[in-house]
Amino acid sequence: MDLNTVTDVRLARSRADLSALGPTVAPFAGGSALFGEPQAHLTGLVDLMTFGWPSLTVTSEGLEIAATCTLAELSRLPAQLGWQAHHVFFECCTYLLGSFKVWNVATVGGNISASLPAGPMTSLTAGLDGIALVWRADGSDERMPVTEFVTGNKSNALATGDILRSVTIPLDSLQSRVASRKIALSPLGRSGLVLLGRRAADETFVLTVSGGTVRPIQLRYPDPPDAATLRDDVLAIEAWFTDPHGAADWRRTVSTVLAEEIRQELA
């Protein structure tokens, strides 16, 4: 929808340009989340796309995803030798309720910063133990797991004037075997649940539950758990919620089914 209260847009070319951010001035990149609901309090925007950050940077330590990387770019990530998790990048992009037009503008950082439970980029980066780099308003940098960055339904670790700069996926996660599951109440509906399982070379097993919880919840085991242990641990999660896309008890129960599918796939 139109943001008809906005009278000024600044193009960010250096970190100093972020000083314009405040209670009535918001950062934006693709804008799909920002323009998705009324923002009557806003009078200005700071465009992050003009920073010109490389969208995807492969290093010896893993993959750095710029906050301004679009879903279309991420979905076309070239395969790398030994990256068994490569397939899940495209899969999680398909979990977004949006057309190819949305893929071309929606950004990874915007999706995570919106902090909606059904945000597939939150599911992806949390499930792969992604580390978020936050540029604080005071000029400092802070790194934290994506599982800590998103704190609740539409809430996160960003304060006024802060921005999410990037997310780094560690090489160990990229080299792990990964399986994902998504379920919705209608074939093309918004995600009711997204689960991502990862089995590392050292046998560490990590299950990340999102979509049906107010924030990503991780279950971590030194070795793959048996079916009963995983089921009981999923049922013990307390962050379920009810909305038009699914009831809390449905989400809780179906999660045990999807978790077992993932456990067997990675066995």
Protein backbone atom coordinates (compact mmCIF):
# COMPACT_ATOMS: atom_id res chain seq x y z
CA MET A 1 0.00 0.00 0.00
CA ASP A 2 1.04 3.61 -0.42
CA LEU A 3 3.03 5.28 2.35
CA ASN A 4 1.44 8.67 1.81
CA THR A 5 2.95 10.23 4.94
CA VAL A 6 6.53 9.79 3.66
CA THR A 7 7.96 13.06 2.34
CA ASP A 8 11.69 12.26 2.18
CA VAL A 9 13.81 9.33 0.96
CA ARG A 10 17.57 9.29 1.60
CA LEU A 11 19.91 7.10 -0.43
CA ALA A 12 22.41 5.47 1.92
CA ARG A 13 25.94 5.39 0.53
CA SER A 14 27.89 5.40 3.79
CA ARG A 15 27.18 4.38 7.35
CA ALA A 16 26.87 8.05 8.28
CA ASP A 17 23.68 8.24 6.22
CA LEU A 18 22.03 5.92 8.74
CA SER A 19 22.05 8.74 11.27
CA ALA A 20 18.79 9.89 9.70
CA LEU A 21 17.02 6.80 11.08
CA GLY A 22 14.67 7.38 13.97
CA PRO A 23 11.14 6.79 15.24
CA THR A 24 9.62 8.30 12.08
CA VAL A 25 12.34 7.35 9.57
CA ALA A 26 12.75 3.68 8.68
CA PRO A 27 15.29 1.70 6.66
CA PHE A 28 14.04 -0.15 3.60
CA ALA A 29 15.43 -2.33 0.83
CA GLY A 30 12.92 -4.28 -1.24
CA GLY A 31 10.03 -2.79 0.72
CA SER A 32 7.72 -5.81 0.43
CA ALA A 33 7.29 -6.01 4.22
CA LEU A 34 7.35 -2.25 4.81
CA PHE A 35 4.68 -1.54 2.21
CA GLY A 36 2.59 -4.52 3.29
CA GLU A 37 0.74 -2.74 6.08
CA PRO A 38 -0.05 0.84 7.18
CA GLN A 39 2.93 2.88 8.40
CA ALA A 40 1.18 6.14 9.27
CA HIS A 41 3.93 7.17 11.69
CA LEU A 42 6.61 7.35 8.99
CA THR A 43 7.75 10.58 7.40
CA GLY A 44 10.97 9.35 5.81
CA LEU A 45 12.89 6.33 4.52
CA VAL A 46 16.56 5.43 4.12
CA ASP A 47 17.23 3.21 1.09
CA LEU A 48 19.78 0.50 1.94
CA MET A 49 20.05 -0.83 -1.61
CA THR A 50 22.34 2.05 -2.58
CA PHE A 51 25.05 0.69 -0.28
CA GLY A 52 25.78 -1.74 -3.11
CA TRP A 53 26.68 -4.65 -0.83
CA PRO A 54 27.58 -7.93 -2.61
CA SER A 55 24.52 -10.12 -2.22
CA LEU A 56 26.34 -13.43 -1.69
CA THR A 57 29.96 -13.84 -0.64
CA VAL A 58 31.52 -17.30 -0.38
CA THR A 59 34.51 -17.49 1.98
CA SER A 60 36.62 -20.20 3.56
CA GLU A 61 34.42 -19.87 6.66
CA GLY A 62 31.05 -20.14 4.94
CA LEU A 63 28.55 -17.89 3.18
CA GLU A 64 27.79 -14.25 3.92
CA ILE A 65 24.31 -13.17 2.82
CA ALA A 66 23.85 -9.40 2.63
CA ALA A 67 20.64 -8.08 4.15
CA THR A 68 19.86 -6.57 0.72
CA CYS A 69 20.16 -9.92 -1.09
CA THR A 70 16.85 -10.68 -2.81
CA LEU A 71 15.13 -14.03 -2.61
CA ALA A 72 15.55 -14.36 -6.37
CA GLU A 73 19.32 -14.02 -6.00
CA LEU A 74 19.43 -16.43 -3.07
CA SER A 75 17.36 -19.02 -4.96
CA ARG A 76 19.99 -19.02 -7.72
CA LEU A 77 22.92 -19.56 -5.35
CA PRO A 78 25.47 -21.66 -7.29
CA ALA A 79 26.24 -25.06 -5.83
CA GLN A 80 29.60 -25.40 -4.10
CA LEU A 81 31.65 -28.56 -3.67
CA GLY A 82 30.70 -30.29 -0.42
CA TRP A 83 27.69 -28.09 0.35
CA GLN A 84 25.08 -30.77 1.05
CA ALA A 85 22.70 -28.11 2.38
CA HIS A 86 22.60 -26.25 -0.94
CA HIS A 87 19.11 -27.46 -1.88
CA VAL A 88 17.46 -25.90 1.17
CA PHE A 89 18.12 -22.33 0.00
CA PHE A 90 15.77 -22.71 -2.96
CA GLU A 91 13.30 -24.76 -0.91
CA CYS A 92 12.95 -22.04 1.75
CA CYS A 93 12.50 -19.38 -0.92
CA THR A 94 9.48 -21.35 -2.16
CA TYR A 95 8.05 -21.22 1.36
CA LEU A 96 7.38 -17.48 0.92
CA LEU A 97 3.77 -16.71 0.05
CA GLY A 98 4.53 -14.51 -2.95
CA SER A 99 4.95 -14.49 -6.72
CA PHE A 100 8.17 -14.26 -8.72
CA LYS A 101 7.64 -10.51 -8.71
CA VAL A 102 7.92 -10.52 -4.93
CA TRP A 103 11.03 -12.75 -5.11
CA ASN A 104 12.71 -10.06 -7.23
CA VAL A 105 12.29 -7.34 -4.60
CA ALA A 106 11.88 -9.06 -1.21
CA THR A 107 15.18 -9.21 0.66
CA VAL A 108 16.62 -11.67 3.12
CA GLY A 109 17.24 -8.94 5.68
CA GLY A 110 13.78 -7.49 5.31
CA ASN A 111 12.14 -10.87 5.78
CA ILE A 112 14.14 -11.59 8.92
CA SER A 113 13.72 -8.07 10.32
CA ALA A 114 9.95 -8.24 9.85
CA SER A 115 10.22 -11.13 12.32
CA LEU A 116 6.95 -12.74 11.33
CA PRO A 117 6.71 -16.37 12.50
CA ALA A 118 6.16 -17.52 8.91
CA GLY A 119 9.23 -15.68 7.60
CA PRO A 120 11.05 -18.35 5.55
CA MET A 121 14.40 -16.53 5.67
CA THR A 122 14.22 -16.69 9.45
CA SER A 123 13.53 -20.43 9.19
CA LEU A 124 16.43 -20.91 6.77
CA THR A 125 19.08 -18.89 8.55
CA ALA A 126 18.08 -20.01 12.05
CA GLY A 127 18.04 -23.64 10.96
CA LEU A 128 21.56 -23.33 9.53
CA ASP A 129 22.89 -21.65 12.68
CA GLY A 130 23.23 -18.31 10.90
CA ILE A 131 24.96 -15.43 12.67
CA ALA A 132 23.39 -12.00 12.24
CA LEU A 133 25.58 -8.89 12.02
CA VAL A 134 23.80 -5.86 13.45
CA TRP A 135 24.98 -2.32 12.83
CA ARG A 136 24.06 -0.45 15.99
CA ALA A 137 23.03 3.20 15.91
CA ASP A 138 26.03 4.14 18.07
CA GLY A 139 28.42 2.88 15.37
CA SER A 140 29.24 -0.45 17.01
CA ASP A 141 28.81 -3.91 15.51
CA GLU A 142 27.17 -6.86 17.22
CA ARG A 143 26.94 -10.48 16.11
CA MET A 144 24.33 -12.89 17.41
CA PRO A 145 22.62 -16.12 16.33
CA VAL A 146 19.49 -15.57 14.27
CA THR A 147 17.69 -17.64 16.91
CA GLU A 148 18.46 -14.81 19.36
CA PHE A 149 17.93 -11.97 16.86
CA VAL A 150 14.23 -12.85 16.44
CA THR A 151 12.69 -12.57 19.88
CA GLY A 152 8.97 -12.96 19.18
CA ASN A 153 6.10 -12.36 16.79
CA LYS A 154 7.17 -9.16 14.93
CA SER A 155 9.86 -8.39 17.53
CA ASN A 156 13.64 -8.64 17.35
CA ALA A 157 16.92 -7.34 18.74
CA LEU A 158 16.96 -4.16 16.63
CA ALA A 159 16.58 -0.86 18.46
CA THR A 160 15.71 2.45 16.78
CA GLY A 161 18.45 3.35 14.34
CA ASP A 162 19.90 -0.18 14.11
CA ILE A 163 19.94 -2.24 10.93
CA LEU A 164 20.62 -5.86 10.04
CA ARG A 165 23.75 -5.82 7.84
CA SER A 166 24.17 -9.50 6.94
CA VAL A 167 23.82 -13.12 8.00
CA THR A 168 26.73 -15.55 7.85
CA ILE A 169 26.10 -19.28 7.45
CA PRO A 170 29.03 -21.31 8.85
CA LEU A 171 30.75 -23.85 6.63
CA ASP A 172 29.87 -26.70 9.00
CA SER A 173 26.16 -26.04 8.42
CA LEU A 174 26.60 -25.82 4.66
CA GLN A 175 28.38 -29.17 4.64
CA SER A 176 25.74 -30.85 6.81
CA ARG A 177 22.92 -33.02 5.54
CA VAL A 178 19.72 -31.00 5.75
CA ALA A 179 16.00 -31.74 5.39
CA SER A 180 13.09 -29.32 5.54
CA ARG A 181 9.31 -29.55 5.81
CA LYS A 182 6.56 -26.97 5.40
CA ILE A 183 2.83 -27.33 5.88
CA ALA A 184 -0.03 -24.88 5.37
CA LEU A 185 -3.80 -25.05 5.66
CA SER A 186 -4.16 -24.52 1.90
CA PRO A 187 -1.90 -25.59 -0.99
CA LEU A 188 -0.63 -22.05 -1.64
CA GLY A 189 -1.26 -20.65 1.81
CA ARG A 190 1.02 -18.96 4.27
CA SER A 191 3.17 -21.41 6.22
CA GLY A 192 1.57 -22.88 9.29
CA LEU A 193 4.80 -24.69 10.18
CA VAL A 194 8.36 -24.85 8.87
CA LEU A 195 10.82 -27.39 10.28
CA LEU A 196 14.46 -27.70 9.29
CA GLY A 197 16.67 -30.56 10.44
CA ARG A 198 20.44 -30.72 10.17
CA ARG A 199 22.86 -33.60 10.75
CA ALA A 200 26.50 -32.54 10.86
CA ALA A 201 29.59 -34.60 10.10
CA ASP A 202 30.24 -35.02 13.86
CA GLU A 203 26.71 -36.50 14.21
CA THR A 204 25.27 -33.39 15.88
CA PHE A 205 21.54 -33.28 15.12
CA VAL A 206 19.68 -29.95 15.18
CA LEU A 207 15.95 -29.48 14.64
CA THR A 208 14.66 -25.93 14.22
CA VAL A 209 10.92 -25.38 14.58
CA SER A 210 9.41 -22.17 13.21
CA GLY A 211 6.33 -20.87 11.48
CA GLY A 212 4.06 -22.18 14.23
CA THR A 213 6.09 -20.74 17.09
CA VAL A 214 6.45 -17.06 17.95
CA ARG A 215 10.21 -17.39 17.44
CA PRO A 216 12.52 -20.11 16.10
CA ILE A 217 12.99 -22.92 18.61
CA GLN A 218 16.01 -25.21 18.34
CA LEU A 219 16.43 -28.71 19.68
CA ARG A 220 20.07 -29.79 19.64
CA TYR A 221 21.50 -33.27 20.26
CA PRO A 222 25.09 -34.59 20.22
CA ASP A 223 23.78 -37.61 18.30
CA PRO A 224 20.57 -38.25 16.34
CA PRO A 225 17.78 -38.83 18.91
CA ASP A 226 15.40 -41.76 18.90
CA ALA A 227 11.82 -41.21 17.82
CA ALA A 228 10.38 -41.03 21.34
CA THR A 229 12.92 -38.50 22.57
CA LEU A 230 12.41 -36.19 19.61
CA ARG A 231 8.62 -36.43 19.87
CA ASP A 232 8.63 -35.65 23.59
CA ASP A 233 10.96 -32.69 23.13
CA VAL A 234 8.82 -31.23 20.34
CA LEU A 235 5.70 -31.64 22.45
CA ALA A 236 7.46 -29.82 25.31
CA ILE A 237 7.89 -26.64 23.24
CA GLU A 238 5.79 -23.85 24.75
CA ALA A 239 6.01 -21.14 22.08
CA TRP A 240 3.08 -22.31 19.92
CA PHE A 241 0.43 -19.77 18.95
CA THR A 242 -2.96 -19.65 17.25
CA ASP A 243 -3.82 -17.45 14.29
CA PRO A 244 -5.87 -17.79 11.05
CA HIS A 245 -3.10 -19.98 9.61
CA GLY A 246 -3.37 -22.67 12.25
CA ALA A 247 -4.34 -23.53 15.82
CA ALA A 248 -1.64 -24.02 18.42
CA ASP A 249 -2.67 -27.62 19.19
CA TRP A 250 -2.69 -28.50 15.46
CA ARG A 251 0.76 -27.01 15.02
CA ARG A 252 2.10 -28.81 18.07
CA THR A 253 0.77 -32.18 16.95
CA VAL A 254 1.72 -31.91 13.27
CA SER A 255 5.23 -30.83 14.27
CA THR A 256 5.83 -34.26 15.78
CA VAL A 257 4.91 -35.89 12.46
CA LEU A 258 7.16 -33.60 10.41
CA ALA A 259 10.00 -33.93 12.90
CA GLU A 260 9.89 -37.72 12.64
CA GLU A 261 9.93 -37.49 8.83
CA ILE A 262 13.06 -35.34 9.06
CA ARG A 263 14.67 -37.68 11.60
CA GLN A 264 14.13 -40.66 9.32
CA GLU A 265 15.34 -38.79 6.23
CA LEU A 266 18.59 -37.87 7.97
CA ALA A 267 19.05 -41.29 9.61
